Protein backbone atom coordinates (compact mmCIF):
# COMPACT_ATOMS: atom_id res chain seq x y z
CA MET A 1 160.53 71.71 86.48
CA GLN A 2 160.39 68.12 87.63
CA ILE A 3 157.25 66.27 88.73
CA ILE A 4 157.77 63.54 91.30
CA LYS A 5 155.13 61.01 92.30
CA VAL A 6 155.19 60.23 96.02
CA PRO A 7 152.57 57.52 96.69
CA GLY A 8 152.97 57.55 100.45
CA ILE A 9 150.10 57.17 102.91
CA ASN A 10 150.12 57.19 106.69
CA GLY A 11 146.59 58.32 107.39
CA LEU A 12 145.26 56.17 110.19
CA GLY A 13 143.54 53.96 107.64
CA LYS A 14 141.50 56.89 106.29
CA THR A 15 143.53 57.75 103.19
CA LYS A 16 143.76 54.46 101.33
CA GLY A 17 143.35 55.35 97.67
CA CYS A 18 145.46 58.51 97.85
CA GLU A 19 148.52 56.52 96.81
CA ARG A 20 146.94 56.21 93.35
CA ALA A 21 146.42 59.93 92.86
CA GLY A 22 149.71 60.69 91.10
CA ASN A 23 149.07 58.35 88.20
CA ALA A 24 145.41 59.38 88.02
CA ILE A 25 146.28 63.08 87.88
CA LEU A 26 148.81 62.51 85.12
CA ASP A 27 146.26 60.49 83.14
CA ALA A 28 143.72 63.31 83.50
CA LEU A 29 146.38 65.81 82.44
CA LYS A 30 146.42 64.16 79.01
CA GLU A 31 142.99 65.69 78.40
CA ILE A 32 144.25 69.22 79.11
CA TYR A 33 145.82 70.63 75.97
CA SER A 34 146.81 74.06 77.26
CA ASN A 35 146.56 76.00 80.47
CA GLU A 36 144.81 79.32 80.97
CA GLN A 37 147.96 81.28 80.11
CA GLY A 38 147.98 79.59 76.71
CA LYS A 39 150.94 77.34 77.48
CA ILE A 40 150.73 74.04 75.63
CA VAL A 41 150.48 71.07 78.00
CA ASP A 42 152.02 67.89 76.62
CA ALA A 43 152.04 65.19 79.28
CA SER A 44 154.43 63.06 77.23
CA LEU A 45 157.17 65.71 77.53
CA LEU A 46 157.08 66.11 81.30
CA ASP A 47 160.14 65.45 83.43
CA LEU A 48 158.69 62.68 85.59
CA GLU A 49 160.09 60.66 88.46
CA GLU A 50 158.64 58.47 91.19
CA ILE A 51 159.83 57.62 94.68
CA HIS A 52 158.97 53.95 95.02
CA LEU A 53 157.67 53.34 98.52
CA ASP A 54 156.57 50.55 100.84
CA ASN A 55 153.73 51.97 102.91
CA GLY A 56 154.06 49.07 105.30
CA ASN A 57 157.39 50.40 106.55
CA MET A 58 157.23 54.05 107.61
CA GLU A 59 160.91 54.23 108.56
CA ILE A 60 162.08 53.27 105.09
CA THR A 61 159.33 55.31 103.43
CA ASN A 62 160.27 58.53 105.23
CA LYS A 63 163.98 57.92 104.66
CA LEU A 64 163.40 57.51 100.91
CA ILE A 65 161.19 60.60 100.66
CA TYR A 66 163.68 62.74 102.59
CA GLU A 67 166.78 61.59 100.71
CA ASN A 68 165.19 61.74 97.26
CA SER A 69 163.60 65.14 97.80
CA LEU A 70 166.84 66.62 99.15
CA GLU A 71 168.72 65.37 96.10
CA ALA A 72 166.03 66.71 93.78
CA PHE A 73 166.07 70.16 95.40
CA GLU A 74 169.81 70.32 94.84
CA MET A 75 169.45 69.46 91.16
CA LYS A 76 166.23 71.16 89.99
CA PRO A 77 165.06 74.79 90.25
CA ARG A 78 161.44 73.83 90.95
CA LEU A 79 159.68 70.62 91.95
CA VAL A 80 156.10 69.42 92.10
CA PHE A 81 155.30 66.41 94.28
CA LEU A 82 152.12 64.43 93.68
CA GLY A 83 150.90 62.55 96.75
CA GLY A 84 149.88 60.52 98.54
CA ASP A 85 148.33 61.89 101.71
CA HIS A 86 149.64 64.80 103.75
CA SER A 87 152.01 62.64 105.79
CA ILE A 88 154.49 62.77 102.88
CA SER A 89 154.96 66.49 103.47
CA PHE A 90 156.81 65.79 106.72
CA SER A 91 159.83 64.33 104.93
CA LEU A 92 159.48 66.50 101.82
CA VAL A 93 159.65 69.68 103.90
CA ARG A 94 162.55 68.29 105.92
CA GLY A 95 164.41 67.75 102.65
CA PHE A 96 163.55 71.31 101.61
CA LEU A 97 164.70 72.66 104.99
CA GLU A 98 168.05 70.86 104.75
CA HIS A 99 168.52 72.20 101.23
CA THR A 100 167.93 75.80 102.35
CA LYS A 101 170.42 75.33 105.19
CA LYS A 102 173.06 74.18 102.72
CA GLN A 103 172.31 77.16 100.50
CA ARG A 104 172.29 79.50 103.52
CA LYS A 105 168.84 80.75 102.57
CA GLU A 106 165.76 81.35 104.67
CA PRO A 107 162.91 78.82 104.23
CA CYS A 108 159.23 79.62 104.08
CA LEU A 109 156.30 77.21 104.22
CA ILE A 110 152.78 78.11 103.11
CA VAL A 111 150.11 75.47 103.66
CA PHE A 112 146.64 75.50 102.11
CA ASP A 113 144.53 73.20 104.27
CA ALA A 114 141.19 72.96 106.06
CA HIS A 115 143.02 71.57 109.13
CA PRO A 116 146.25 72.58 110.89
CA ASP A 117 147.63 69.00 111.05
CA CYS A 118 149.24 69.74 114.41
CA MET A 119 147.75 66.92 116.44
CA GLU A 120 149.82 65.23 119.13
CA PRO A 121 151.74 62.14 117.95
CA VAL A 122 149.79 58.90 117.82
CA ASP A 123 152.68 56.53 118.50
CA GLY A 124 155.73 58.76 118.71
CA THR A 125 157.38 57.52 115.50
CA PHE A 126 156.62 59.06 112.11
CA PRO A 127 153.86 61.67 111.80
CA THR A 128 150.54 60.77 110.22
CA HIS A 129 148.66 63.15 107.96
CA GLU A 130 147.08 64.67 111.08
CA GLU A 131 150.34 65.65 112.77
CA TRP A 132 152.92 66.22 110.02
CA LEU A 133 153.12 69.99 110.53
CA ARG A 134 153.79 69.60 114.25
CA GLY A 135 156.53 67.15 113.27
CA VAL A 136 158.06 69.67 110.86
CA VAL A 137 158.18 72.34 113.58
CA GLU A 138 159.67 69.92 116.10
CA ALA A 139 162.26 68.93 113.47
CA GLY A 140 163.49 72.52 113.35
CA PHE A 141 161.48 74.40 110.73
CA PRO A 142 161.14 78.00 112.03
CA PRO A 143 157.45 78.33 112.98
CA GLU A 144 157.47 82.08 112.40
CA ASN A 145 158.08 81.29 108.71
CA ILE A 146 154.93 79.16 108.41
CA LEU A 147 151.61 80.49 107.13
CA LEU A 148 148.39 78.45 107.15
CA VAL A 149 145.63 79.35 104.70
CA GLY A 150 142.03 78.19 104.77
CA LEU A 151 141.66 76.57 108.20
CA ARG A 152 138.07 75.69 109.03
CA ASN A 153 138.27 73.02 111.73
CA SER A 154 141.02 72.98 114.40
CA ASP A 155 141.27 70.81 117.49
CA PRO A 156 141.82 72.83 120.72
CA LYS A 157 145.21 71.14 121.13
CA GLU A 158 146.18 72.29 117.66
CA ILE A 159 145.09 75.84 118.41
CA ARG A 160 147.26 75.89 121.53
CA PHE A 161 150.21 74.54 119.53
CA MET A 162 149.81 77.19 116.82
CA GLU A 163 149.47 79.98 119.36
CA LYS A 164 152.46 78.78 121.37
CA ASN A 165 154.62 78.65 118.25
CA LYS A 166 153.18 81.86 116.75
CA ILE A 167 152.21 80.15 113.49
CA LYS A 168 150.42 82.68 111.30
CA ARG A 169 147.03 82.08 109.72
CA ILE A 170 144.85 83.65 107.03
CA SER A 171 141.14 82.85 107.07
CA ILE A 172 138.90 81.92 104.19
CA ASN A 173 136.89 85.09 104.87
CA GLU A 174 139.87 87.28 103.99
CA PHE A 175 139.86 85.78 100.49
CA VAL A 176 136.08 86.18 100.23
CA ARG A 177 136.27 89.86 101.21
CA ASP A 178 139.17 90.77 98.91
CA ILE A 179 140.97 87.96 97.10
CA ASP A 180 143.59 90.24 95.54
CA ASN A 181 144.56 91.78 98.86
CA ALA A 182 144.66 88.35 100.51
CA CYS A 183 146.91 87.08 97.69
CA ASP A 184 149.18 90.06 98.22
CA THR A 185 149.43 89.21 101.92
CA VAL A 186 150.35 85.58 101.20
CA MET A 187 152.96 86.54 98.62
CA GLU A 188 154.47 89.27 100.79
CA PHE A 189 154.87 86.73 103.60
CA ALA A 190 157.16 84.68 101.34
CA ASN A 191 159.07 87.63 99.93
CA GLY A 192 162.84 87.18 100.21
CA ARG A 193 162.60 83.56 101.32
CA GLU A 194 162.77 80.19 99.59
CA LEU A 195 159.17 79.04 99.33
CA TYR A 196 157.58 75.62 99.68
CA LEU A 197 153.84 75.41 99.06
CA SER A 198 151.83 72.47 100.43
CA LEU A 199 148.32 72.03 99.05
CA ASP A 200 145.80 69.76 100.74
CA ILE A 201 142.85 69.46 98.36
CA ASP A 202 140.44 69.77 101.30
CA VAL A 203 141.12 73.51 101.36
CA VAL A 204 138.65 73.47 98.47
CA ASP A 205 134.95 73.22 99.29
CA PRO A 206 133.71 69.62 98.92
CA ALA A 207 131.23 70.82 96.30
CA PHE A 208 134.27 71.07 94.02
CA ALA A 209 136.58 68.43 95.53
CA PRO A 210 134.58 65.74 97.33
CA ALA A 211 137.08 62.86 97.16
CA THR A 212 139.25 63.51 100.18
CA GLY A 213 139.53 62.14 103.68
CA TYR A 214 138.06 64.88 105.86
CA ILE A 215 135.32 66.89 104.17
CA GLU A 216 134.89 70.42 105.53
CA PRO A 217 132.15 72.65 104.07
CA GLY A 218 132.82 76.34 103.46
CA GLY A 219 136.11 76.10 101.59
CA LEU A 220 137.57 77.94 98.65
CA THR A 221 135.94 77.46 95.29
CA SER A 222 138.05 75.73 92.67
CA ARG A 223 138.09 79.02 90.73
CA GLN A 224 139.44 80.94 93.72
CA LEU A 225 142.21 78.40 94.32
CA ILE A 226 143.26 78.34 90.67
CA TYR A 227 143.47 82.14 90.63
CA ILE A 228 145.57 82.19 93.81
CA LEU A 229 147.94 79.54 92.45
CA GLN A 230 148.27 81.33 89.11
CA ARG A 231 149.49 84.38 90.97
CA MET A 232 151.80 82.47 93.30
CA ASN A 233 153.27 80.53 90.39
CA LYS A 234 154.83 83.77 89.15
CA MET A 235 157.03 83.96 92.25
CA LYS A 236 160.62 83.19 91.32
CA ASN A 237 161.36 81.97 94.85
CA LEU A 238 158.76 79.17 94.64
CA ARG A 239 160.91 76.04 94.85
CA GLY A 240 158.55 73.24 95.75
CA VAL A 241 154.84 72.37 95.64
CA ASP A 242 153.04 69.29 96.87
CA ILE A 243 149.46 68.31 96.00
CA VAL A 244 148.03 65.82 98.47
CA GLU A 245 144.93 64.10 99.88
CA ILE A 246 143.21 63.38 96.55
CA ASN A 247 141.60 59.97 96.96
CA GLU A 248 141.44 58.39 93.52
CA LYS A 249 139.49 55.39 94.78
CA LYS A 250 136.80 57.51 96.41
CA ASP A 251 136.68 59.84 93.41
CA ARG A 252 135.19 57.14 91.22
CA GLU A 253 131.88 57.86 92.96
CA TYR A 254 132.05 61.46 91.73
CA GLY A 255 133.05 60.99 88.11
CA GLY A 256 136.68 61.82 88.79
CA VAL A 257 136.03 65.52 89.47
CA THR A 258 138.64 65.77 92.27
CA VAL A 259 141.35 64.12 90.19
CA LYS A 260 140.47 66.43 87.30
CA LEU A 261 140.86 69.42 89.59
CA GLY A 262 144.28 68.09 90.60
CA ALA A 263 145.22 67.87 86.91
CA LYS A 264 143.93 71.40 86.35
CA ILE A 265 146.04 72.69 89.23
CA LEU A 266 149.09 70.89 87.86
CA ALA A 267 148.52 72.34 84.39
CA GLU A 268 148.45 75.87 85.81
CA ILE A 269 151.72 75.55 87.72
CA ILE A 270 153.93 73.65 85.26
């Protein structure tokens, strides 16, 4: 497994600080000595890379993310990308999609997020963190192979887009009622397909992850998310994971709890 830092932000000025999350998460990982399965975690032995970006030039930034992720997918069996805000997922998923086309395999995208990120384009160029998923669909990702988990606040325009494209959703309440059955549903959706998992930290309730751009009460607990990811991590078809929207700058107000959760998540999936 390779871990790639992707310090990209294109969040309408609301995500400044997320570009520092990768380094902060890796620093926090040094304080985790083993994960819950008993696997020793040694941060010094990780296969690390970084895509060096200029957030002042979105054209170059997206080109670098796409080209580097495509190359990485062709060389490594599993990748973890540390953002950055959710805008980076637009080019990461495009790289994943191109890789699956070359391999003649069917792609699957599961997104854990409080928001659908299907807003209409702001300026018609490269998607922000509010519209990246719409951009992925318009770039050719099959919408019937997309599953959104944990939505709690959707703009009416986003709802219409999801319904028009038949994008599937699983509510938070399904996990509250029966987390094992909900996990089964998520994993069955990806069965037989190459899987990319995109994790926006705001899927977690802000009581557990307050340092993010758009706080939405009523999310998953950190324990619930860790359990779900532990189960999904056993899937052999899981090829890529991104962890985004952790604002390291904002997290200083909260004693680094959100960054520490990011490190905990990383420890459980490496």
